Amino acid sequence: MMLIPCPHCGPRAHAEFTFDRPVEAITRPDDTADALVRNLFSRDNPRGHSRELWRHTYGCRAWIALTRDTATHAITDVQAWGAKA
C-alpha cells in the first residue's frame, strides 16, 4: 500500500486518491489538435521521477501535485494545487 501525504489531511492510503495525469500533460487553450492528441494519448512512460496530479477523492477532495518515482513509488514532494492551495 502506498501512503500519500495529503497537505490538508496528513498521510492517507492511495485508495483514497484518484490519479489524474502527469503535470506536463495538462492541455492549454491555445494547443493545436496535434498537440492535444500528443499530450492526451501519446505520452512517454519513462522510469524515474514524475510530477503528477492527484485528487483526494475520498477525503478533503483537494487537488495535489506530487513527485513520485514511477519505479519505486517513493514520493519526494507534495504540494496543494489549484484555487484552494
PDB file of N, CA and C in Angstrom:
ATOM      1  N   MET A   1       0.839  -1.172   0.000  1.00  0.00           N
ATOM      2  CA  MET A   1       0.000   0.000   0.000  1.00  0.00           C
ATOM      3  C   MET A   1       0.887   1.238   0.000  1.00  0.00           C
ATOM      4  N   MET A   2       0.534   2.193  -0.831  1.00  0.00           N
ATOM      5  CA  MET A   2       1.272   3.448  -0.920  1.00  0.00           C
ATOM      6  C   MET A   2       0.557   4.498  -0.063  1.00  0.00           C
ATOM      7  N   LEU A   3       1.307   5.179   0.797  1.00  0.00           N
ATOM      8  CA  LEU A   3       0.757   6.270   1.593  1.00  0.00           C
ATOM      9  C   LEU A   3       1.064   7.589   0.894  1.00  0.00           C
ATOM     10  N   ILE A   4       0.035   8.390   0.694  1.00  0.00           N
ATOM     11  CA  ILE A   4       0.204   9.697   0.072  1.00  0.00           C
ATOM     12  C   ILE A   4      -0.024  10.750   1.149  1.00  0.00           C
ATOM     13  N   PRO A   5       0.972  11.623   1.380  1.00  0.00           N
ATOM     14  CA  PRO A   5       0.817  12.647   2.413  1.00  0.00           C
ATOM     15  C   PRO A   5       0.009  13.837   1.900  1.00  0.00           C
ATOM     16  N   CYS A   6      -1.271  13.863   2.187  1.00  0.00           N
ATOM     17  CA  CYS A   6      -2.131  14.982   1.795  1.00  0.00           C
ATOM     18  C   CYS A   6      -1.724  16.210   2.605  1.00  0.00           C
ATOM     19  N   PRO A   7      -1.523  17.371   1.967  1.00  0.00           N
ATOM     20  CA  PRO A   7      -1.137  18.563   2.723  1.00  0.00           C
ATOM     21  C   PRO A   7      -2.221  19.034   3.695  1.00  0.00           C
ATOM     22  N   HIS A   8      -3.459  18.601   3.502  1.00  0.00           N
ATOM     23  CA  HIS A   8      -4.562  19.024   4.357  1.00  0.00           C
ATOM     24  C   HIS A   8      -4.918  17.984   5.421  1.00  0.00           C
ATOM     25  N   CYS A   9      -4.801  16.699   5.090  1.00  0.00           N
ATOM     26  CA  CYS A   9      -5.286  15.624   5.974  1.00  0.00           C
ATOM     27  C   CYS A   9      -4.179  14.763   6.572  1.00  0.00           C
ATOM     28  N   GLY A  10      -2.960  14.883   6.080  1.00  0.00           N
ATOM     29  CA  GLY A  10      -1.882  14.026   6.540  1.00  0.00           C
ATOM     30  C   GLY A  10      -1.794  12.760   5.688  1.00  0.00           C
ATOM     31  N   PRO A  11      -0.961  11.793   6.077  1.00  0.00           N
ATOM     32  CA  PRO A  11      -0.773  10.576   5.296  1.00  0.00           C
ATOM     33  C   PRO A  11      -2.054   9.749   5.199  1.00  0.00           C
ATOM     34  N   ARG A  12      -2.397   9.359   3.983  1.00  0.00           N
ATOM     35  CA  ARG A  12      -3.593   8.550   3.734  1.00  0.00           C
ATOM     36  C   ARG A  12      -3.257   7.464   2.714  1.00  0.00           C
ATOM     37  N   ALA A  13      -4.025   6.381   2.710  1.00  0.00           N
ATOM     38  CA  ALA A  13      -3.840   5.285   1.756  1.00  0.00           C
ATOM     39  C   ALA A  13      -4.128   5.779   0.344  1.00  0.00           C
ATOM     40  N   HIS A  14      -3.390   5.246  -0.616  1.00  0.00           N
ATOM     41  CA  HIS A  14      -3.561   5.693  -2.001  1.00  0.00           C
ATOM     42  C   HIS A  14      -4.960   5.392  -2.538  1.00  0.00           C
ATOM     43  N   ALA A  15      -5.685   4.472  -1.904  1.00  0.00           N
ATOM     44  CA  ALA A  15      -7.037   4.144  -2.352  1.00  0.00           C
ATOM     45  C   ALA A  15      -8.006   5.317  -2.163  1.00  0.00           C
ATOM     46  N   GLU A  16      -7.653   6.292  -1.322  1.00  0.00           N
ATOM     47  CA  GLU A  16      -8.487   7.476  -1.141  1.00  0.00           C
ATOM     48  C   GLU A  16      -8.301   8.496  -2.254  1.00  0.00           C
ATOM     49  N   PHE A  17      -7.281   8.307  -3.086  1.00  0.00           N
ATOM     50  CA  PHE A  17      -6.913   9.282  -4.104  1.00  0.00           C
ATOM     51  C   PHE A  17      -7.223   8.760  -5.503  1.00  0.00           C
ATOM     52  N   THR A  18      -7.363   9.686  -6.430  1.00  0.00           N
ATOM     53  CA  THR A  18      -7.550   9.348  -7.838  1.00  0.00           C
ATOM     54  C   THR A  18      -6.439  10.016  -8.638  1.00  0.00           C
ATOM     55  N   PHE A  19      -5.702   9.217  -9.405  1.00  0.00           N
ATOM     56  CA  PHE A  19      -4.656   9.753 -10.278  1.00  0.00           C
ATOM     57  C   PHE A  19      -5.316  10.454 -11.451  1.00  0.00           C
ATOM     58  N   ASP A  20      -4.827  11.644 -11.801  1.00  0.00           N
ATOM     59  CA  ASP A  20      -5.371  12.354 -12.948  1.00  0.00           C
ATOM     60  C   ASP A  20      -4.426  12.268 -14.143  1.00  0.00           C
ATOM     61  N   ARG A  21      -3.245  12.866 -14.045  1.00  0.00           N
ATOM     62  CA  ARG A  21      -2.300  12.857 -15.164  1.00  0.00           C
ATOM     63  C   ARG A  21      -0.983  13.468 -14.726  1.00  0.00           C
ATOM     64  N   PRO A  22       0.090  13.240 -15.498  1.00  0.00           N
ATOM     65  CA  PRO A  22       1.332  13.969 -15.243  1.00  0.00           C
ATOM     66  C   PRO A  22       1.110  15.459 -15.497  1.00  0.00           C
ATOM     67  N   VAL A  23       1.793  16.294 -14.756  1.00  0.00           N
ATOM     68  CA  VAL A  23       1.620  17.738 -14.886  1.00  0.00           C
ATOM     69  C   VAL A  23       1.926  18.209 -16.305  1.00  0.00           C
ATOM     70  N   GLU A  24       2.930  17.622 -16.951  1.00  0.00           N
ATOM     71  CA  GLU A  24       3.278  18.063 -18.313  1.00  0.00           C
ATOM     72  C   GLU A  24       2.214  17.706 -19.348  1.00  0.00           C
ATOM     73  N   ALA A  25       1.230  16.906 -18.982  1.00  0.00           N
ATOM     74  CA  ALA A  25       0.167  16.523 -19.917  1.00  0.00           C
ATOM     75  C   ALA A  25      -1.056  17.433 -19.814  1.00  0.00           C
ATOM     76  N   ILE A  26      -0.957  18.480 -19.006  1.00  0.00           N
ATOM     77  CA  ILE A  26      -2.072  19.415 -18.903  1.00  0.00           C
ATOM     78  C   ILE A  26      -2.201  20.163 -20.221  1.00  0.00           C
ATOM     79  N   THR A  27      -3.398  20.190 -20.756  1.00  0.00           N
ATOM     80  CA  THR A  27      -3.616  20.874 -22.031  1.00  0.00           C
ATOM     81  C   THR A  27      -3.875  22.357 -21.791  1.00  0.00           C
ATOM     82  N   ARG A  28      -3.558  23.136 -22.815  1.00  0.00           N
ATOM     83  CA  ARG A  28      -3.756  24.577 -22.756  1.00  0.00           C
ATOM     84  C   ARG A  28      -4.729  25.003 -23.841  1.00  0.00           C
ATOM     85  N   PRO A  29      -5.459  26.092 -23.635  1.00  0.00           N
ATOM     86  CA  PRO A  29      -6.463  26.507 -24.625  1.00  0.00           C
ATOM     87  C   PRO A  29      -5.892  26.792 -26.012  1.00  0.00           C
ATOM     88  N   ASP A  30      -4.635  27.209 -26.097  1.00  0.00           N
ATOM     89  CA  ASP A  30      -4.059  27.540 -27.400  1.00  0.00           C
ATOM     90  C   ASP A  30      -3.345  26.358 -28.063  1.00  0.00           C
ATOM     91  N   ASP A  31      -3.442  25.146 -27.488  1.00  0.00           N
ATOM     92  CA  ASP A  31      -2.811  23.969 -28.091  1.00  0.00           C
ATOM     93  C   ASP A  31      -3.496  23.608 -29.407  1.00  0.00           C
ATOM     94  N   THR A  32      -2.693  23.168 -30.366  1.00  0.00           N
ATOM     95  CA  THR A  32      -3.247  22.700 -31.637  1.00  0.00           C
ATOM     96  C   THR A  32      -3.834  21.306 -31.443  1.00  0.00           C
ATOM     97  N   ALA A  33      -4.570  20.835 -32.420  1.00  0.00           N
ATOM     98  CA  ALA A  33      -5.163  19.494 -32.344  1.00  0.00           C
ATOM     99  C   ALA A  33      -4.067  18.431 -32.229  1.00  0.00           C
ATOM    100  N   ASP A  34      -2.968  18.595 -32.957  1.00  0.00           N
ATOM    101  CA  ASP A  34      -1.864  17.629 -32.865  1.00  0.00           C
ATOM    102  C   ASP A  34      -1.256  17.611 -31.464  1.00  0.00           C
ATOM    103  N   ALA A  35      -1.096  18.788 -30.862  1.00  0.00           N
ATOM    104  CA  ALA A  35      -0.541  18.859 -29.509  1.00  0.00           C
ATOM    105  C   ALA A  35      -1.485  18.211 -28.499  1.00  0.00           C
ATOM    106  N   LEU A  36      -2.783  18.410 -28.679  1.00  0.00           N
ATOM    107  CA  LEU A  36      -3.757  17.778 -27.775  1.00  0.00           C
ATOM    108  C   LEU A  36      -3.685  16.260 -27.861  1.00  0.00           C
ATOM    109  N   VAL A  37      -3.632  15.722 -29.073  1.00  0.00           N
ATOM    110  CA  VAL A  37      -3.551  14.272 -29.250  1.00  0.00           C
ATOM    111  C   VAL A  37      -2.266  13.747 -28.631  1.00  0.00           C
ATOM    112  N   ARG A  38      -1.152  14.434 -28.852  1.00  0.00           N
ATOM    113  CA  ARG A  38       0.140  14.017 -28.298  1.00  0.00           C
ATOM    114  C   ARG A  38       0.091  14.043 -26.771  1.00  0.00           C
ATOM    115  N   ASN A  39      -0.437  15.107 -26.174  1.00  0.00           N
ATOM    116  CA  ASN A  39      -0.479  15.218 -24.707  1.00  0.00           C
ATOM    117  C   ASN A  39      -1.419  14.220 -24.064  1.00  0.00           C
ATOM    118  N   LEU A  40      -2.550  13.942 -24.697  1.00  0.00           N
ATOM    119  CA  LEU A  40      -3.555  13.088 -24.076  1.00  0.00           C
ATOM    120  C   LEU A  40      -3.365  11.594 -24.349  1.00  0.00           C
ATOM    121  N   PHE A  41      -2.836  11.251 -25.515  1.00  0.00           N
ATOM    122  CA  PHE A  41      -2.822   9.840 -25.908  1.00  0.00           C
ATOM    123  C   PHE A  41      -1.462   9.258 -26.249  1.00  0.00           C
ATOM    124  N   SER A  42      -0.450  10.073 -26.440  1.00  0.00           N
ATOM    125  CA  SER A  42       0.837   9.563 -26.946  1.00  0.00           C
ATOM    126  C   SER A  42       2.004   9.927 -26.047  1.00  0.00           C
ATOM    127  N   ARG A  43       1.800   9.946 -24.747  1.00  0.00           N
ATOM    128  CA  ARG A  43       2.874  10.324 -23.831  1.00  0.00           C
ATOM    129  C   ARG A  43       3.820   9.156 -23.609  1.00  0.00           C
ATOM    130  N   ASP A  44       5.069   9.507 -23.309  1.00  0.00           N
ATOM    131  CA  ASP A  44       6.046   8.505 -22.888  1.00  0.00           C
ATOM    132  C   ASP A  44       5.733   8.097 -21.457  1.00  0.00           C
ATOM    133  N   ASN A  45       6.227   6.937 -21.056  1.00  0.00           N
ATOM    134  CA  ASN A  45       6.050   6.463 -19.684  1.00  0.00           C
ATOM    135  C   ASN A  45       7.404   6.014 -19.142  1.00  0.00           C
ATOM    136  N   PRO A  46       8.337   6.978 -18.980  1.00  0.00           N
ATOM    137  CA  PRO A  46       9.688   6.588 -18.560  1.00  0.00           C
ATOM    138  C   PRO A  46       9.743   6.243 -17.070  1.00  0.00           C
ATOM    139  N   ARG A  47      10.746   5.453 -16.706  1.00  0.00           N
ATOM    140  CA  ARG A  47      11.004   5.184 -15.292  1.00  0.00           C
ATOM    141  C   ARG A  47      11.664   6.411 -14.686  1.00  0.00           C
ATOM    142  N   GLY A  48      11.444   6.608 -13.402  1.00  0.00           N
ATOM    143  CA  GLY A  48      12.077   7.733 -12.717  1.00  0.00           C
ATOM    144  C   GLY A  48      11.048   8.673 -12.131  1.00  0.00           C
ATOM    145  N   HIS A  49      11.492   9.882 -11.834  1.00  0.00           N
ATOM    146  CA  HIS A  49      10.626  10.862 -11.179  1.00  0.00           C
ATOM    147  C   HIS A  49       9.603  11.438 -12.144  1.00  0.00           C
ATOM    148  N   SER A  50       8.380  11.549 -11.662  1.00  0.00           N
ATOM    149  CA  SER A  50       7.278  12.088 -12.446  1.00  0.00           C
ATOM    150  C   SER A  50       6.486  13.048 -11.573  1.00  0.00           C
ATOM    151  N   ARG A  51       6.194  14.221 -12.107  1.00  0.00           N
ATOM    152  CA  ARG A  51       5.342  15.198 -11.413  1.00  0.00           C
ATOM    153  C   ARG A  51       3.910  14.911 -11.832  1.00  0.00           C
ATOM    154  N   GLU A  52       3.016  14.611 -10.872  1.00  0.00           N
ATOM    155  CA  GLU A  52       1.679  14.119 -11.188  1.00  0.00           C
ATOM    156  C   GLU A  52       0.604  14.869 -10.414  1.00  0.00           C
ATOM    157  N   LEU A  53      -0.590  14.933 -11.003  1.00  0.00           N
ATOM    158  CA  LEU A  53      -1.757  15.492 -10.328  1.00  0.00           C
ATOM    159  C   LEU A  53      -2.612  14.354  -9.782  1.00  0.00           C
ATOM    160  N   TRP A  54      -3.014  14.466  -8.531  1.00  0.00           N
ATOM    161  CA  TRP A  54      -3.880  13.507  -7.868  1.00  0.00           C
ATOM    162  C   TRP A  54      -4.986  14.288  -7.164  1.00  0.00           C
ATOM    163  N   ARG A  55      -6.122  13.652  -6.942  1.00  0.00           N
ATOM    164  CA  ARG A  55      -7.213  14.268  -6.197  1.00  0.00           C
ATOM    165  C   ARG A  55      -7.544  13.402  -4.992  1.00  0.00           C
ATOM    166  N   HIS A  56      -7.704  14.023  -3.841  1.00  0.00           N
ATOM    167  CA  HIS A  56      -8.073  13.301  -2.624  1.00  0.00           C
ATOM    168  C   HIS A  56      -9.585  13.092  -2.653  1.00  0.00           C
ATOM    169  N   THR A  57     -10.018  12.183  -3.501  1.00  0.00           N
ATOM    170  CA  THR A  57     -11.421  11.961  -3.812  1.00  0.00           C
ATOM    171  C   THR A  57     -12.248  11.560  -2.605  1.00  0.00           C
ATOM    172  N   TYR A  58     -11.730  10.674  -1.773  1.00  0.00           N
ATOM    173  CA  TYR A  58     -12.490  10.171  -0.620  1.00  0.00           C
ATOM    174  C   TYR A  58     -12.007  10.794   0.682  1.00  0.00           C
ATOM    175  N   GLY A  59     -11.561  12.034   0.592  1.00  0.00           N
ATOM    176  CA  GLY A  59     -11.117  12.772   1.771  1.00  0.00           C
ATOM    177  C   GLY A  59     -11.542  14.215   1.625  1.00  0.00           C
ATOM    178  N   CYS A  60     -10.582  15.121   1.610  1.00  0.00           N
ATOM    179  CA  CYS A  60     -10.882  16.552   1.551  1.00  0.00           C
ATOM    180  C   CYS A  60     -11.222  17.030   0.138  1.00  0.00           C
ATOM    181  N   ARG A  61     -11.100  16.178  -0.869  1.00  0.00           N
ATOM    182  CA  ARG A  61     -11.426  16.455  -2.273  1.00  0.00           C
ATOM    183  C   ARG A  61     -10.502  17.487  -2.922  1.00  0.00           C
ATOM    184  N   ALA A  62      -9.387  17.790  -2.279  1.00  0.00           N
ATOM    185  CA  ALA A  62      -8.434  18.760  -2.819  1.00  0.00           C
ATOM    186  C   ALA A  62      -7.555  18.111  -3.886  1.00  0.00           C
ATOM    187  N   TRP A  63      -7.061  18.938  -4.800  1.00  0.00           N
ATOM    188  CA  TRP A  63      -6.089  18.500  -5.798  1.00  0.00           C
ATOM    189  C   TRP A  63      -4.698  18.688  -5.225  1.00  0.00           C
ATOM    190  N   ILE A  64      -3.803  17.736  -5.501  1.00  0.00           N
ATOM    191  CA  ILE A  64      -2.416  17.861  -5.073  1.00  0.00           C
ATOM    192  C   ILE A  64      -1.507  17.511  -6.238  1.00  0.00           C
ATOM    193  N   ALA A  65      -0.328  18.109  -6.222  1.00  0.00           N
ATOM    194  CA  ALA A  65       0.724  17.770  -7.179  1.00  0.00           C
ATOM    195  C   ALA A  65       1.822  17.094  -6.381  1.00  0.00           C
ATOM    196  N   LEU A  66       2.212  15.912  -6.819  1.00  0.00           N
ATOM    197  CA  LEU A  66       3.271  15.208  -6.103  1.00  0.00           C
ATOM    198  C   LEU A  66       4.335  14.738  -7.078  1.00  0.00           C
ATOM    199  N   THR A  67       5.534  14.558  -6.546  1.00  0.00           N
ATOM    200  CA  THR A  67       6.629  13.996  -7.321  1.00  0.00           C
ATOM    201  C   THR A  67       6.830  12.574  -6.834  1.00  0.00           C
ATOM    202  N   ARG A  68       6.705  11.624  -7.766  1.00  0.00           N
ATOM    203  CA  ARG A  68       6.746  10.201  -7.413  1.00  0.00           C
ATOM    204  C   ARG A  68       7.710   9.488  -8.340  1.00  0.00           C
ATOM    205  N   ASP A  69       8.495   8.574  -7.782  1.00  0.00           N
ATOM    206  CA  ASP A  69       9.347   7.715  -8.592  1.00  0.00           C
ATOM    207  C   ASP A  69       8.471   6.598  -9.135  1.00  0.00           C
ATOM    208  N   THR A  70       8.367   6.476 -10.450  1.00  0.00           N
ATOM    209  CA  THR A  70       7.463   5.501 -11.046  1.00  0.00           C
ATOM    210  C   THR A  70       7.937   4.065 -10.878  1.00  0.00           C
ATOM    211  N   ALA A  71       9.198   3.859 -10.545  1.00  0.00           N
ATOM    212  CA  ALA A  71       9.708   2.501 -10.347  1.00  0.00           C
ATOM    213  C   ALA A  71       9.502   2.021  -8.911  1.00  0.00           C
ATOM    214  N   THR A  72       9.712   2.911  -7.949  1.00  0.00           N
ATOM    215  CA  THR A  72       9.638   2.509  -6.540  1.00  0.00           C
ATOM    216  C   THR A  72       8.403   3.056  -5.823  1.00  0.00           C
ATOM    217  N   HIS A  73       7.697   3.986  -6.426  1.00  0.00           N
ATOM    218  CA  HIS A  73       6.536   4.675  -5.845  1.00  0.00           C
ATOM    219  C   HIS A  73       6.903   5.550  -4.658  1.00  0.00           C
ATOM    220  N   ALA A  74       8.180   5.855  -4.485  1.00  0.00           N
ATOM    221  CA  ALA A  74       8.606   6.755  -3.409  1.00  0.00           C
ATOM    222  C   ALA A  74       8.178   8.180  -3.752  1.00  0.00           C
ATOM    223  N   ILE A  75       7.514   8.830  -2.815  1.00  0.00           N
ATOM    224  CA  ILE A  75       7.034  10.202  -3.010  1.00  0.00           C
ATOM    225  C   ILE A  75       8.021  11.151  -2.349  1.00  0.00           C
ATOM    226  N   THR A  76       8.523  12.124  -3.124  1.00  0.00           N
ATOM    227  CA  THR A  76       9.535  13.027  -2.598  1.00  0.00           C
ATOM    228  C   THR A  76       9.026  14.439  -2.352  1.00  0.00           C
ATOM    229  N   ASP A  77       7.901  14.817  -2.953  1.00  0.00           N
ATOM    230  CA  ASP A  77       7.387  16.171  -2.761  1.00  0.00           C
ATOM    231  C   ASP A  77       5.871  16.172  -2.978  1.00  0.00           C
ATOM    232  N   VAL A  78       5.153  16.911  -2.143  1.00  0.00           N
ATOM    233  CA  VAL A  78       3.697  17.049  -2.284  1.00  0.00           C
ATOM    234  C   VAL A  78       3.343  18.511  -2.060  1.00  0.00           C
ATOM    235  N   GLN A  79       2.511  19.066  -2.944  1.00  0.00           N
ATOM    236  CA  GLN A  79       2.054  20.453  -2.810  1.00  0.00           C
ATOM    237  C   GLN A  79       0.578  20.528  -3.124  1.00  0.00           C
ATOM    238  N   ALA A  80      -0.117  21.433  -2.445  1.00  0.00           N
ATOM    239  CA  ALA A  80      -1.522  21.690  -2.780  1.00  0.00           C
ATOM    240  C   ALA A  80      -1.560  22.311  -4.172  1.00  0.00           C
ATOM    241  N   TRP A  81      -2.638  22.059  -4.931  1.00  0.00           N
ATOM    242  CA  TRP A  81      -2.756  22.506  -6.316  1.00  0.00           C
ATOM    243  C   TRP A  81      -4.116  23.159  -6.517  1.00  0.00           C
ATOM    244  N   GLY A  82      -4.150  24.240  -7.237  1.00  0.00           N
ATOM    245  CA  GLY A  82      -5.423  24.849  -7.594  1.00  0.00           C
ATOM    246  C   GLY A  82      -5.818  26.015  -6.719  1.00  0.00           C
ATOM    247  N   ALA A  83      -7.082  26.382  -6.829  1.00  0.00           N
ATOM    248  CA  ALA A  83      -7.594  27.590  -6.175  1.00  0.00           C
ATOM    249  C   ALA A  83      -7.551  27.525  -4.652  1.00  0.00           C
ATOM    250  N   LYS A  84      -7.723  26.336  -4.085  1.00  0.00           N
ATOM    251  CA  LYS A  84      -7.744  26.198  -2.627  1.00  0.00           C
ATOM    252  C   LYS A  84      -6.349  26.062  -2.026  1.00  0.00           C
ATOM    253  N   ALA A  85      -5.329  26.058  -2.869  1.00  0.00           N
ATOM    254  CA  ALA A  85      -3.956  25.918  -2.369  1.00  0.00           C
ATOM    255  C   ALA A  85      -3.606  27.124  -1.562  1.00  0.00           C
TER     256      ALA A  85
END
